[in-house]
mmCIF file of all heavy atoms, coordinates in Angstrom:
data_MODEL
# 
_entry.id   MODEL 
# 
loop_
_atom_site.group_PDB 
_atom_site.id 
_atom_site.type_symbol 
_atom_site.label_atom_id 
_atom_site.label_alt_id 
_atom_site.label_comp_id 
_atom_site.label_asym_id 
_atom_site.label_entity_id 
_atom_site.label_seq_id 
_atom_site.pdbx_PDB_ins_code 
_atom_site.Cartn_x 
_atom_site.Cartn_y 
_atom_site.Cartn_z 
_atom_site.occupancy 
_atom_site.B_iso_or_equiv 
_atom_site.pdbx_formal_charge 
_atom_site.auth_seq_id 
_atom_site.auth_comp_id 
_atom_site.auth_asym_id 
_atom_site.auth_atom_id 
_atom_site.pdbx_PDB_model_num 
ATOM 1   N N   . LEU A 1 1  ? 94.702  102.845 110.155 1.00 0.00 ? 1  LEU A N   1 
ATOM 2   C CA  . LEU A 1 1  ? 96.098  102.414 110.145 1.00 0.00 ? 1  LEU A CA  1 
ATOM 3   C C   . LEU A 1 1  ? 96.930  103.219 111.129 1.00 0.00 ? 1  LEU A C   1 
ATOM 4   O O   . LEU A 1 1  ? 97.850  102.685 111.766 1.00 0.00 ? 1  LEU A O   1 
ATOM 5   C CB  . LEU A 1 1  ? 96.671  102.537 108.730 1.00 0.00 ? 1  LEU A CB  1 
ATOM 6   C CG  . LEU A 1 1  ? 98.159  102.235 108.544 1.00 0.00 ? 1  LEU A CG  1 
ATOM 7   C CD1 . LEU A 1 1  ? 98.503  100.828 109.021 1.00 0.00 ? 1  LEU A CD1 1 
ATOM 8   C CD2 . LEU A 1 1  ? 98.563  102.416 107.088 1.00 0.00 ? 1  LEU A CD2 1 
ATOM 9   N N   . ASN A 1 2  ? 96.634  104.503 111.275 1.00 0.00 ? 2  ASN A N   1 
ATOM 10  C CA  . ASN A 1 2  ? 97.424  105.347 112.174 1.00 0.00 ? 2  ASN A CA  1 
ATOM 11  C C   . ASN A 1 2  ? 97.274  104.947 113.634 1.00 0.00 ? 2  ASN A C   1 
ATOM 12  O O   . ASN A 1 2  ? 98.159  105.198 114.447 1.00 0.00 ? 2  ASN A O   1 
ATOM 13  C CB  . ASN A 1 2  ? 97.016  106.814 112.020 1.00 0.00 ? 2  ASN A CB  1 
ATOM 14  C CG  . ASN A 1 2  ? 97.432  107.401 110.687 1.00 0.00 ? 2  ASN A CG  1 
ATOM 15  O OD1 . ASN A 1 2  ? 97.987  106.700 109.839 1.00 0.00 ? 2  ASN A OD1 1 
ATOM 16  N ND2 . ASN A 1 2  ? 97.149  108.673 110.488 1.00 0.00 ? 2  ASN A ND2 1 
ATOM 17  N N   . ALA A 1 3  ? 96.145  104.326 113.973 1.00 0.00 ? 3  ALA A N   1 
ATOM 18  C CA  . ALA A 1 3  ? 95.836  104.031 115.370 1.00 0.00 ? 3  ALA A CA  1 
ATOM 19  C C   . ALA A 1 3  ? 96.005  102.560 115.733 1.00 0.00 ? 3  ALA A C   1 
ATOM 20  O O   . ALA A 1 3  ? 95.700  102.170 116.865 1.00 0.00 ? 3  ALA A O   1 
ATOM 21  C CB  . ALA A 1 3  ? 94.399  104.476 115.677 1.00 0.00 ? 3  ALA A CB  1 
ATOM 22  N N   . ASN A 1 4  ? 96.495  101.747 114.790 1.00 0.00 ? 4  ASN A N   1 
ATOM 23  C CA  . ASN A 1 4  ? 96.596  100.315 115.028 1.00 0.00 ? 4  ASN A CA  1 
ATOM 24  C C   . ASN A 1 4  ? 97.935  99.773  114.530 1.00 0.00 ? 4  ASN A C   1 
ATOM 25  O O   . ASN A 1 4  ? 98.542  100.348 113.623 1.00 0.00 ? 4  ASN A O   1 
ATOM 26  C CB  . ASN A 1 4  ? 95.458  99.580  114.313 1.00 0.00 ? 4  ASN A CB  1 
ATOM 27  C CG  . ASN A 1 4  ? 94.112  99.836  114.952 1.00 0.00 ? 4  ASN A CG  1 
ATOM 28  O OD1 . ASN A 1 4  ? 93.749  99.183  115.924 1.00 0.00 ? 4  ASN A OD1 1 
ATOM 29  N ND2 . ASN A 1 4  ? 93.366  100.803 114.423 1.00 0.00 ? 4  ASN A ND2 1 
ATOM 30  N N   . PRO A 1 5  ? 98.383  98.643  115.099 1.00 0.00 ? 5  PRO A N   1 
ATOM 31  C CA  . PRO A 1 5  ? 99.613  98.028  114.608 1.00 0.00 ? 5  PRO A CA  1 
ATOM 32  C C   . PRO A 1 5  ? 99.477  97.627  113.143 1.00 0.00 ? 5  PRO A C   1 
ATOM 33  O O   . PRO A 1 5  ? 98.400  97.225  112.690 1.00 0.00 ? 5  PRO A O   1 
ATOM 34  C CB  . PRO A 1 5  ? 99.773  96.794  115.500 1.00 0.00 ? 5  PRO A CB  1 
ATOM 35  C CG  . PRO A 1 5  ? 98.980  97.087  116.727 1.00 0.00 ? 5  PRO A CG  1 
ATOM 36  C CD  . PRO A 1 5  ? 97.826  97.926  116.265 1.00 0.00 ? 5  PRO A CD  1 
ATOM 37  N N   . LEU A 1 6  ? 100.571 97.715  112.416 1.00 0.00 ? 6  LEU A N   1 
ATOM 38  C CA  . LEU A 1 6  ? 100.548 97.411  110.991 1.00 0.00 ? 6  LEU A CA  1 
ATOM 39  C C   . LEU A 1 6  ? 100.075 95.985  110.731 1.00 0.00 ? 6  LEU A C   1 
ATOM 40  O O   . LEU A 1 6  ? 99.289  95.751  109.804 1.00 0.00 ? 6  LEU A O   1 
ATOM 41  C CB  . LEU A 1 6  ? 101.936 97.624  110.387 1.00 0.00 ? 6  LEU A CB  1 
ATOM 42  C CG  . LEU A 1 6  ? 102.092 97.298  108.903 1.00 0.00 ? 6  LEU A CG  1 
ATOM 43  C CD1 . LEU A 1 6  ? 101.165 98.149  108.054 1.00 0.00 ? 6  LEU A CD1 1 
ATOM 44  C CD2 . LEU A 1 6  ? 103.539 97.485  108.467 1.00 0.00 ? 6  LEU A CD2 1 
ATOM 45  N N   . ALA A 1 7  ? 100.505 95.036  111.525 1.00 0.00 ? 7  ALA A N   1 
ATOM 46  C CA  . ALA A 1 7  ? 100.116 93.640  111.307 1.00 0.00 ? 7  ALA A CA  1 
ATOM 47  C C   . ALA A 1 7  ? 98.607  93.460  111.427 1.00 0.00 ? 7  ALA A C   1 
ATOM 48  O O   . ALA A 1 7  ? 98.005  92.696  110.659 1.00 0.00 ? 7  ALA A O   1 
ATOM 49  C CB  . ALA A 1 7  ? 100.839 92.734  112.295 1.00 0.00 ? 7  ALA A CB  1 
ATOM 50  N N   . ASP A 1 8  ? 97.991  94.147  112.383 1.00 0.00 ? 8  ASP A N   1 
ATOM 51  C CA  . ASP A 1 8  ? 96.534  94.055  112.542 1.00 0.00 ? 8  ASP A CA  1 
ATOM 52  C C   . ASP A 1 8  ? 95.822  94.657  111.336 1.00 0.00 ? 8  ASP A C   1 
ATOM 53  O O   . ASP A 1 8  ? 94.817  94.121  110.862 1.00 0.00 ? 8  ASP A O   1 
ATOM 54  C CB  . ASP A 1 8  ? 96.092  94.777  113.822 1.00 0.00 ? 8  ASP A CB  1 
ATOM 55  C CG  . ASP A 1 8  ? 96.564  94.072  115.082 1.00 0.00 ? 8  ASP A CG  1 
ATOM 56  O OD1 . ASP A 1 8  ? 97.068  92.926  114.981 1.00 0.00 ? 8  ASP A OD1 1 
ATOM 57  O OD2 . ASP A 1 8  ? 96.435  94.667  116.168 1.00 0.00 ? 8  ASP A OD2 1 
ATOM 58  N N   . TRP A 1 9  ? 96.341  95.781  110.859 1.00 0.00 ? 9  TRP A N   1 
ATOM 59  C CA  . TRP A 1 9  ? 95.723  96.442  109.704 1.00 0.00 ? 9  TRP A CA  1 
ATOM 60  C C   . TRP A 1 9  ? 95.858  95.581  108.452 1.00 0.00 ? 9  TRP A C   1 
ATOM 61  O O   . TRP A 1 9  ? 94.906  95.454  107.680 1.00 0.00 ? 9  TRP A O   1 
ATOM 62  C CB  . TRP A 1 9  ? 96.370  97.808  109.496 1.00 0.00 ? 9  TRP A CB  1 
ATOM 63  C CG  . TRP A 1 9  ? 95.734  98.625  108.425 1.00 0.00 ? 9  TRP A CG  1 
ATOM 64  C CD1 . TRP A 1 9  ? 94.627  99.424  108.531 1.00 0.00 ? 9  TRP A CD1 1 
ATOM 65  C CD2 . TRP A 1 9  ? 96.162  98.720  107.057 1.00 0.00 ? 9  TRP A CD2 1 
ATOM 66  N NE1 . TRP A 1 9  ? 94.345  100.019 107.320 1.00 0.00 ? 9  TRP A NE1 1 
ATOM 67  C CE2 . TRP A 1 9  ? 95.258  99.607  106.399 1.00 0.00 ? 9  TRP A CE2 1 
ATOM 68  C CE3 . TRP A 1 9  ? 97.203  98.163  106.330 1.00 0.00 ? 9  TRP A CE3 1 
ATOM 69  C CZ2 . TRP A 1 9  ? 95.381  99.942  105.052 1.00 0.00 ? 9  TRP A CZ2 1 
ATOM 70  C CZ3 . TRP A 1 9  ? 97.329  98.486  104.987 1.00 0.00 ? 9  TRP A CZ3 1 
ATOM 71  C CH2 . TRP A 1 9  ? 96.427  99.362  104.355 1.00 0.00 ? 9  TRP A CH2 1 
ATOM 72  N N   . GLU A 1 10 ? 97.017  94.989  108.260 1.00 0.00 ? 10 GLU A N   1 
ATOM 73  C CA  . GLU A 1 10 ? 97.207  94.113  107.103 1.00 0.00 ? 10 GLU A CA  1 
ATOM 74  C C   . GLU A 1 10 ? 96.227  92.940  107.140 1.00 0.00 ? 10 GLU A C   1 
ATOM 75  O O   . GLU A 1 10 ? 95.663  92.549  106.117 1.00 0.00 ? 10 GLU A O   1 
ATOM 76  C CB  . GLU A 1 10 ? 98.650  93.612  107.071 1.00 0.00 ? 10 GLU A CB  1 
ATOM 77  C CG  . GLU A 1 10 ? 99.661  94.689  106.722 1.00 0.00 ? 10 GLU A CG  1 
ATOM 78  C CD  . GLU A 1 10 ? 101.092 94.190  106.785 1.00 0.00 ? 10 GLU A CD  1 
ATOM 79  O OE1 . GLU A 1 10 ? 101.311 93.046  107.283 1.00 0.00 ? 10 GLU A OE1 1 
ATOM 80  O OE2 . GLU A 1 10 ? 102.002 94.923  106.347 1.00 0.00 ? 10 GLU A OE2 1 
ATOM 81  N N   . GLN A 1 11 ? 96.013  92.378  108.336 1.00 0.00 ? 11 GLN A N   1 
ATOM 82  C CA  . GLN A 1 11 ? 95.054  91.288  108.471 1.00 0.00 ? 11 GLN A CA  1 
ATOM 83  C C   . GLN A 1 11 ? 93.640  91.762  108.139 1.00 0.00 ? 11 GLN A C   1 
ATOM 84  O O   . GLN A 1 11 ? 92.842  91.024  107.561 1.00 0.00 ? 11 GLN A O   1 
ATOM 85  C CB  . GLN A 1 11 ? 95.109  90.728  109.886 1.00 0.00 ? 11 GLN A CB  1 
ATOM 86  C CG  . GLN A 1 11 ? 94.236  89.496  110.100 1.00 0.00 ? 11 GLN A CG  1 
ATOM 87  C CD  . GLN A 1 11 ? 94.370  88.933  111.499 1.00 0.00 ? 11 GLN A CD  1 
ATOM 88  O OE1 . GLN A 1 11 ? 94.601  89.657  112.467 1.00 0.00 ? 11 GLN A OE1 1 
ATOM 89  N NE2 . GLN A 1 11 ? 94.232  87.617  111.619 1.00 0.00 ? 11 GLN A NE2 1 
ATOM 90  N N   . ASP A 1 12 ? 93.319  93.017  108.493 1.00 0.00 ? 12 ASP A N   1 
ATOM 91  C CA  . ASP A 1 12 ? 91.998  93.568  108.208 1.00 0.00 ? 12 ASP A CA  1 
ATOM 92  C C   . ASP A 1 12 ? 91.802  93.758  106.706 1.00 0.00 ? 12 ASP A C   1 
ATOM 93  O O   . ASP A 1 12 ? 90.696  93.596  106.196 1.00 0.00 ? 12 ASP A O   1 
ATOM 94  C CB  . ASP A 1 12 ? 91.827  94.904  108.942 1.00 0.00 ? 12 ASP A CB  1 
ATOM 95  C CG  . ASP A 1 12 ? 90.407  95.126  109.430 1.00 0.00 ? 12 ASP A CG  1 
ATOM 96  O OD1 . ASP A 1 12 ? 89.862  94.235  110.103 1.00 0.00 ? 12 ASP A OD1 1 
ATOM 97  O OD2 . ASP A 1 12 ? 89.840  96.194  109.131 1.00 0.00 ? 12 ASP A OD2 1 
ATOM 98  N N   . VAL A 1 13 ? 92.870  94.113  106.005 1.00 0.00 ? 13 VAL A N   1 
ATOM 99  C CA  . VAL A 1 13 ? 92.812  94.233  104.542 1.00 0.00 ? 13 VAL A CA  1 
ATOM 100 C C   . VAL A 1 13 ? 92.551  92.869  103.916 1.00 0.00 ? 13 VAL A C   1 
ATOM 101 O O   . VAL A 1 13 ? 91.646  92.702  103.082 1.00 0.00 ? 13 VAL A O   1 
ATOM 102 C CB  . VAL A 1 13 ? 94.118  94.842  103.991 1.00 0.00 ? 13 VAL A CB  1 
ATOM 103 C CG1 . VAL A 1 13 ? 94.156  94.747  102.466 1.00 0.00 ? 13 VAL A CG1 1 
ATOM 104 C CG2 . VAL A 1 13 ? 94.257  96.304  104.424 1.00 0.00 ? 13 VAL A CG2 1 
ATOM 105 N N   . THR A 1 14 ? 93.337  91.872  104.309 1.00 0.00 ? 14 THR A N   1 
ATOM 106 C CA  . THR A 1 14 ? 93.220  90.548  103.677 1.00 0.00 ? 14 THR A CA  1 
ATOM 107 C C   . THR A 1 14 ? 91.916  89.860  104.053 1.00 0.00 ? 14 THR A C   1 
ATOM 108 O O   . THR A 1 14 ? 91.390  89.062  103.266 1.00 0.00 ? 14 THR A O   1 
ATOM 109 C CB  . THR A 1 14 ? 94.411  89.657  104.054 1.00 0.00 ? 14 THR A CB  1 
ATOM 110 O OG1 . THR A 1 14 ? 94.492  89.531  105.482 1.00 0.00 ? 14 THR A OG1 1 
ATOM 111 C CG2 . THR A 1 14 ? 95.709  90.261  103.543 1.00 0.00 ? 14 THR A CG2 1 
ATOM 112 N N   . ARG A 1 15 ? 91.380  90.143  105.222 1.00 0.00 ? 15 ARG A N   1 
ATOM 113 C CA  . ARG A 1 15 ? 90.117  89.522  105.629 1.00 0.00 ? 15 ARG A CA  1 
ATOM 114 C C   . ARG A 1 15 ? 88.973  89.919  104.707 1.00 0.00 ? 15 ARG A C   1 
ATOM 115 O O   . ARG A 1 15 ? 87.997  89.192  104.553 1.00 0.00 ? 15 ARG A O   1 
ATOM 116 C CB  . ARG A 1 15 ? 89.786  89.909  107.073 1.00 0.00 ? 15 ARG A CB  1 
ATOM 117 C CG  . ARG A 1 15 ? 88.598  89.158  107.644 1.00 0.00 ? 15 ARG A CG  1 
ATOM 118 C CD  . ARG A 1 15 ? 88.390  89.480  109.104 1.00 0.00 ? 15 ARG A CD  1 
ATOM 119 N NE  . ARG A 1 15 ? 87.256  88.741  109.641 1.00 0.00 ? 15 ARG A NE  1 
ATOM 120 C CZ  . ARG A 1 15 ? 86.804  88.850  110.881 1.00 0.00 ? 15 ARG A CZ  1 
ATOM 121 N NH1 . ARG A 1 15 ? 87.410  89.668  111.727 1.00 0.00 ? 15 ARG A NH1 1 
ATOM 122 N NH2 . ARG A 1 15 ? 85.759  88.150  111.284 1.00 0.00 ? 15 ARG A NH2 1 
ATOM 123 N N   . ASN A 1 16 ? 89.087  91.068  104.077 1.00 0.00 ? 16 ASN A N   1 
ATOM 124 C CA  . ASN A 1 16 ? 88.048  91.552  103.172 1.00 0.00 ? 16 ASN A CA  1 
ATOM 125 C C   . ASN A 1 16 ? 88.123  90.903  101.788 1.00 0.00 ? 16 ASN A C   1 
ATOM 126 O O   . ASN A 1 16 ? 87.155  90.951  101.020 1.00 0.00 ? 16 ASN A O   1 
ATOM 127 C CB  . ASN A 1 16 ? 88.190  93.077  103.014 1.00 0.00 ? 16 ASN A CB  1 
ATOM 128 C CG  . ASN A 1 16 ? 86.884  93.824  103.134 1.00 0.00 ? 16 ASN A CG  1 
ATOM 129 O OD1 . ASN A 1 16 ? 85.922  93.362  103.727 1.00 0.00 ? 16 ASN A OD1 1 
ATOM 130 N ND2 . ASN A 1 16 ? 86.845  95.010  102.561 1.00 0.00 ? 16 ASN A ND2 1 
ATOM 131 N N   . GLU A 1 17 ? 89.249  90.333  101.455 1.00 0.00 ? 17 GLU A N   1 
ATOM 132 C CA  . GLU A 1 17 ? 89.495  89.898  100.081 1.00 0.00 ? 17 GLU A CA  1 
ATOM 133 C C   . GLU A 1 17 ? 88.599  88.750  99.606  1.00 0.00 ? 17 GLU A C   1 
ATOM 134 O O   . GLU A 1 17 ? 88.146  88.771  98.446  1.00 0.00 ? 17 GLU A O   1 
ATOM 135 C CB  . GLU A 1 17 ? 90.972  89.547  99.909  1.00 0.00 ? 17 GLU A CB  1 
ATOM 136 C CG  . GLU A 1 17 ? 91.856  90.779  99.992  1.00 0.00 ? 17 GLU A CG  1 
ATOM 137 C CD  . GLU A 1 17 ? 93.334  90.486  99.851  1.00 0.00 ? 17 GLU A CD  1 
ATOM 138 O OE1 . GLU A 1 17 ? 93.708  89.284  99.921  1.00 0.00 ? 17 GLU A OE1 1 
ATOM 139 O OE2 . GLU A 1 17 ? 94.117  91.441  99.660  1.00 0.00 ? 17 GLU A OE2 1 
ATOM 140 N N   . PRO A 1 18 ? 88.298  87.721  100.432 1.00 0.00 ? 18 PRO A N   1 
ATOM 141 C CA  . PRO A 1 18 ? 87.407  86.667  99.932  1.00 0.00 ? 18 PRO A CA  1 
ATOM 142 C C   . PRO A 1 18 ? 86.043  87.199  99.491  1.00 0.00 ? 18 PRO A C   1 
ATOM 143 O O   . PRO A 1 18 ? 85.476  86.734  98.494  1.00 0.00 ? 18 PRO A O   1 
ATOM 144 C CB  . PRO A 1 18 ? 87.282  85.720  101.138 1.00 0.00 ? 18 PRO A CB  1 
ATOM 145 C CG  . PRO A 1 18 ? 88.547  85.916  101.892 1.00 0.00 ? 18 PRO A CG  1 
ATOM 146 C CD  . PRO A 1 18 ? 88.860  87.375  101.750 1.00 0.00 ? 18 PRO A CD  1 
ATOM 147 N N   . MET A 1 19 ? 85.517  88.179  100.199 1.00 0.00 ? 19 MET A N   1 
ATOM 148 C CA  . MET A 1 19 ? 84.237  88.764  99.822  1.00 0.00 ? 19 MET A CA  1 
ATOM 149 C C   . MET A 1 19 ? 84.350  89.505  98.492  1.00 0.00 ? 19 MET A C   1 
ATOM 150 O O   . MET A 1 19 ? 83.454  89.423  97.631  1.00 0.00 ? 19 MET A O   1 
ATOM 151 C CB  . MET A 1 19 ? 83.746  89.708  100.921 1.00 0.00 ? 19 MET A CB  1 
ATOM 152 C CG  . MET A 1 19 ? 82.370  90.295  100.681 1.00 0.00 ? 19 MET A CG  1 
ATOM 153 S SD  . MET A 1 19 ? 81.770  91.205  102.124 1.00 0.00 ? 19 MET A SD  1 
ATOM 154 C CE  . MET A 1 19 ? 81.564  89.861  103.300 1.00 0.00 ? 19 MET A CE  1 
ATOM 155 N N   . LEU A 1 20 ? 85.454  90.214  98.298  1.00 0.00 ? 20 LEU A N   1 
ATOM 156 C CA  . LEU A 1 20 ? 85.651  90.929  97.041  1.00 0.00 ? 20 LEU A CA  1 
ATOM 157 C C   . LEU A 1 20 ? 85.796  89.951  95.876  1.00 0.00 ? 20 LEU A C   1 
ATOM 158 O O   . LEU A 1 20 ? 85.251  90.176  94.794  1.00 0.00 ? 20 LEU A O   1 
ATOM 159 C CB  . LEU A 1 20 ? 86.869  91.840  97.141  1.00 0.00 ? 20 LEU A CB  1 
ATOM 160 C CG  . LEU A 1 20 ? 86.712  93.023  98.106  1.00 0.00 ? 20 LEU A CG  1 
ATOM 161 C CD1 . LEU A 1 20 ? 88.046  93.694  98.356  1.00 0.00 ? 20 LEU A CD1 1 
ATOM 162 C CD2 . LEU A 1 20 ? 85.703  94.026  97.574  1.00 0.00 ? 20 LEU A CD2 1 
ATOM 163 N N   . ARG A 1 21 ? 86.518  88.861  96.093  1.00 0.00 ? 21 ARG A N   1 
ATOM 164 C CA  . ARG A 1 21 ? 86.646  87.842  95.041  1.00 0.00 ? 21 ARG A CA  1 
ATOM 165 C C   . ARG A 1 21 ? 85.282  87.253  94.703  1.00 0.00 ? 21 ARG A C   1 
ATOM 166 O O   . ARG A 1 21 ? 84.962  87.013  93.529  1.00 0.00 ? 21 ARG A O   1 
ATOM 167 C CB  . ARG A 1 21 ? 87.580  86.726  95.500  1.00 0.00 ? 21 ARG A CB  1 
ATOM 168 C CG  . ARG A 1 21 ? 89.036  87.124  95.604  1.00 0.00 ? 21 ARG A CG  1 
ATOM 169 C CD  . ARG A 1 21 ? 89.922  85.902  95.790  1.00 0.00 ? 21 ARG A CD  1 
ATOM 170 N NE  . ARG A 1 21 ? 91.283  86.288  96.140  1.00 0.00 ? 21 ARG A NE  1 
ATOM 171 C CZ  . ARG A 1 21 ? 91.749  86.312  97.381  1.00 0.00 ? 21 ARG A CZ  1 
ATOM 172 N NH1 . ARG A 1 21 ? 90.964  85.970  98.393  1.00 0.00 ? 21 ARG A NH1 1 
ATOM 173 N NH2 . ARG A 1 21 ? 92.988  86.687  97.614  1.00 0.00 ? 21 ARG A NH2 1 
ATOM 174 N N   . LYS A 1 22 ? 84.477  87.024  95.720  1.00 0.00 ? 22 LYS A N   1 
ATOM 175 C CA  . LYS A 1 22 ? 83.159  86.426  95.509  1.00 0.00 ? 22 LYS A CA  1 
ATOM 176 C C   . LYS A 1 22 ? 82.301  87.293  94.596  1.00 0.00 ? 22 LYS A C   1 
ATOM 177 O O   . LYS A 1 22 ? 81.673  86.792  93.647  1.00 0.00 ? 22 LYS A O   1 
ATOM 178 C CB  . LYS A 1 22 ? 82.454  86.234  96.855  1.00 0.00 ? 22 LYS A CB  1 
ATOM 179 C CG  . LYS A 1 22 ? 80.997  85.798  96.743  1.00 0.00 ? 22 LYS A CG  1 
ATOM 180 C CD  . LYS A 1 22 ? 80.344  85.750  98.110  1.00 0.00 ? 22 LYS A CD  1 
ATOM 181 C CE  . LYS A 1 22 ? 78.842  85.458  97.993  1.00 0.00 ? 22 LYS A CE  1 
ATOM 182 N NZ  . LYS A 1 22 ? 78.185  85.434  99.323  1.00 0.00 ? 22 LYS A NZ  1 
ATOM 183 N N   . TYR A 1 23 ? 82.260  88.588  94.862  1.00 0.00 ? 23 TYR A N   1 
ATOM 184 C CA  . TYR A 1 23 ? 81.360  89.467  94.113  1.00 0.00 ? 23 TYR A CA  1 
ATOM 185 C C   . TYR A 1 23 ? 81.971  89.984  92.814  1.00 0.00 ? 23 TYR A C   1 
ATOM 186 O O   . TYR A 1 23 ? 81.242  90.272  91.865  1.00 0.00 ? 23 TYR A O   1 
ATOM 187 C CB  . TYR A 1 23 ? 80.923  90.645  94.992  1.00 0.00 ? 23 TYR A CB  1 
ATOM 188 C CG  . TYR A 1 23 ? 79.926  90.249  96.050  1.00 0.00 ? 23 TYR A CG  1 
ATOM 189 C CD1 . TYR A 1 23 ? 80.322  90.050  97.362  1.00 0.00 ? 23 TYR A CD1 1 
ATOM 190 C CD2 . TYR A 1 23 ? 78.586  90.038  95.733  1.00 0.00 ? 23 TYR A CD2 1 
ATOM 191 C CE1 . TYR A 1 23 ? 79.412  89.674  98.341  1.00 0.00 ? 23 TYR A CE1 1 
ATOM 192 C CE2 . TYR A 1 23 ? 77.665  89.655  96.698  1.00 0.00 ? 23 TYR A CE2 1 
ATOM 193 C CZ  . TYR A 1 23 ? 78.089  89.474  98.000  1.00 0.00 ? 23 TYR A CZ  1 
ATOM 194 O OH  . TYR A 1 23 ? 77.185  89.087  98.965  1.00 0.00 ? 23 TYR A OH  1 
ATOM 195 N N   . MET A 1 24 ? 83.288  90.103  92.770  1.00 0.00 ? 24 MET A N   1 
ATOM 196 C CA  . MET A 1 24 ? 83.923  90.687  91.586  1.00 0.00 ? 24 MET A CA  1 
ATOM 197 C C   . MET A 1 24 ? 84.376  89.646  90.574  1.00 0.00 ? 24 MET A C   1 
ATOM 198 O O   . MET A 1 24 ? 84.562  89.968  89.401  1.00 0.00 ? 24 MET A O   1 
ATOM 199 C CB  . MET A 1 24 ? 85.118  91.544  92.012  1.00 0.00 ? 24 MET A CB  1 
ATOM 200 C CG  . MET A 1 24 ? 84.720  92.853  92.678  1.00 0.00 ? 24 MET A CG  1 
ATOM 201 S SD  . MET A 1 24 ? 83.957  94.017  91.510  1.00 0.00 ? 24 MET A SD  1 
ATOM 202 C CE  . MET A 1 24 ? 85.403  94.567  90.610  1.00 0.00 ? 24 MET A CE  1 
ATOM 203 N N   . GLY A 1 25 ? 84.547  88.404  91.001  1.00 0.00 ? 25 GLY A N   1 
ATOM 204 C CA  . GLY A 1 25 ? 84.978  87.379  90.061  1.00 0.00 ? 25 GLY A CA  1 
ATOM 205 C C   . GLY A 1 25 ? 86.313  87.741  89.437  1.00 0.00 ? 25 GLY A C   1 
ATOM 206 O O   . GLY A 1 25 ? 87.289  88.037  90.134  1.00 0.00 ? 25 GLY A O   1 
ATOM 207 N N   . ALA A 1 26 ? 86.363  87.745  88.099  1.00 0.00 ? 26 ALA A N   1 
ATOM 208 C CA  . ALA A 1 26 ? 87.605  88.039  87.387  1.00 0.00 ? 26 ALA A CA  1 
ATOM 209 C C   . ALA A 1 26 ? 87.857  89.536  87.234  1.00 0.00 ? 26 ALA A C   1 
ATOM 210 O O   . ALA A 1 26 ? 88.924  89.943  86.756  1.00 0.00 ? 26 ALA A O   1 
ATOM 211 C CB  . ALA A 1 26 ? 87.572  87.389  86.006  1.00 0.00 ? 26 ALA A CB  1 
ATOM 212 N N   . ALA A 1 27 ? 86.885  90.379  87.615  1.00 0.00 ? 27 ALA A N   1 
ATOM 213 C CA  . ALA A 1 27 ? 87.054  91.829  87.483  1.00 0.00 ? 27 ALA A CA  1 
ATOM 214 C C   . ALA A 1 27 ? 88.027  92.353  88.542  1.00 0.00 ? 27 ALA A C   1 
ATOM 215 O O   . ALA A 1 27 ? 88.263  91.716  89.569  1.00 0.00 ? 27 ALA A O   1 
ATOM 216 C CB  . ALA A 1 27 ? 85.706  92.527  87.601  1.00 0.00 ? 27 ALA A CB  1 
ATOM 217 N N   . ASP A 1 28 ? 88.577  93.522  88.294  1.00 0.00 ? 28 ASP A N   1 
ATOM 218 C CA  . ASP A 1 28 ? 89.640  94.068  89.155  1.00 0.00 ? 28 ASP A CA  1 
ATOM 219 C C   . ASP A 1 28 ? 89.059  94.700  90.408  1.00 0.00 ? 28 ASP A C   1 
ATOM 220 O O   . ASP A 1 28 ? 88.340  95.697  90.342  1.00 0.00 ? 28 ASP A O   1 
ATOM 221 C CB  . ASP A 1 28 ? 90.452  95.106  88.372  1.00 0.00 ? 28 ASP A CB  1 
ATOM 222 C CG  . ASP A 1 28 ? 91.610  95.662  89.190  1.00 0.00 ? 28 ASP A CG  1 
ATOM 223 O OD1 . ASP A 1 28 ? 92.002  95.009  90.171  1.00 0.00 ? 28 ASP A OD1 1 
ATOM 224 O OD2 . ASP A 1 28 ? 92.112  96.745  88.845  1.00 0.00 ? 28 ASP A OD2 1 
ATOM 225 N N   . TRP A 1 29 ? 89.399  94.123  91.565  1.00 0.00 ? 29 TRP A N   1 
ATOM 226 C CA  . TRP A 1 29 ? 88.982  94.702  92.852  1.00 0.00 ? 29 TRP A CA  1 
ATOM 227 C C   . TRP A 1 29 ? 90.190  95.233  93.640  1.00 0.00 ? 29 TRP A C   1 
ATOM 228 O O   . TRP A 1 29 ? 90.060  95.628  94.799  1.00 0.00 ? 29 TRP A O   1 
ATOM 229 C CB  . TRP A 1 29 ? 88.250  93.656  93.696  1.00 0.00 ? 29 TRP A CB  1 
ATOM 230 C CG  . TRP A 1 29 ? 88.945  92.326  93.805  1.00 0.00 ? 29 TRP A CG  1 
ATOM 231 C CD1 . TRP A 1 29 ? 88.742  91.232  93.015  1.00 0.00 ? 29 TRP A CD1 1 
ATOM 232 C CD2 . TRP A 1 29 ? 89.962  91.955  94.751  1.00 0.00 ? 29 TRP A CD2 1 
ATOM 233 N NE1 . TRP A 1 29 ? 89.575  90.196  93.409  1.00 0.00 ? 29 TRP A NE1 1 
ATOM 234 C CE2 . TRP A 1 29 ? 90.330  90.613  94.471  1.00 0.00 ? 29 TRP A CE2 1 
ATOM 235 C CE3 . TRP A 1 29 ? 90.595  92.618  95.795  1.00 0.00 ? 29 TRP A CE3 1 
ATOM 236 C CZ2 . TRP A 1 29 ? 91.289  89.919  95.203  1.00 0.00 ? 29 TRP A CZ2 1 
ATOM 237 C CZ3 . TRP A 1 29 ? 91.562  91.939  96.532  1.00 0.00 ? 29 TRP A CZ3 1 
ATOM 238 C CH2 . TRP A 1 29 ? 91.905  90.604  96.228  1.00 0.00 ? 29 TRP A CH2 1 
# 
């Protein structure tokens, strides 16, 4: 985050979320 624009970092966070939903289901990720 320190070395990249905030918008790019936010996109990198959200890009990971479908994979977390897939493996975690209803559990808290």
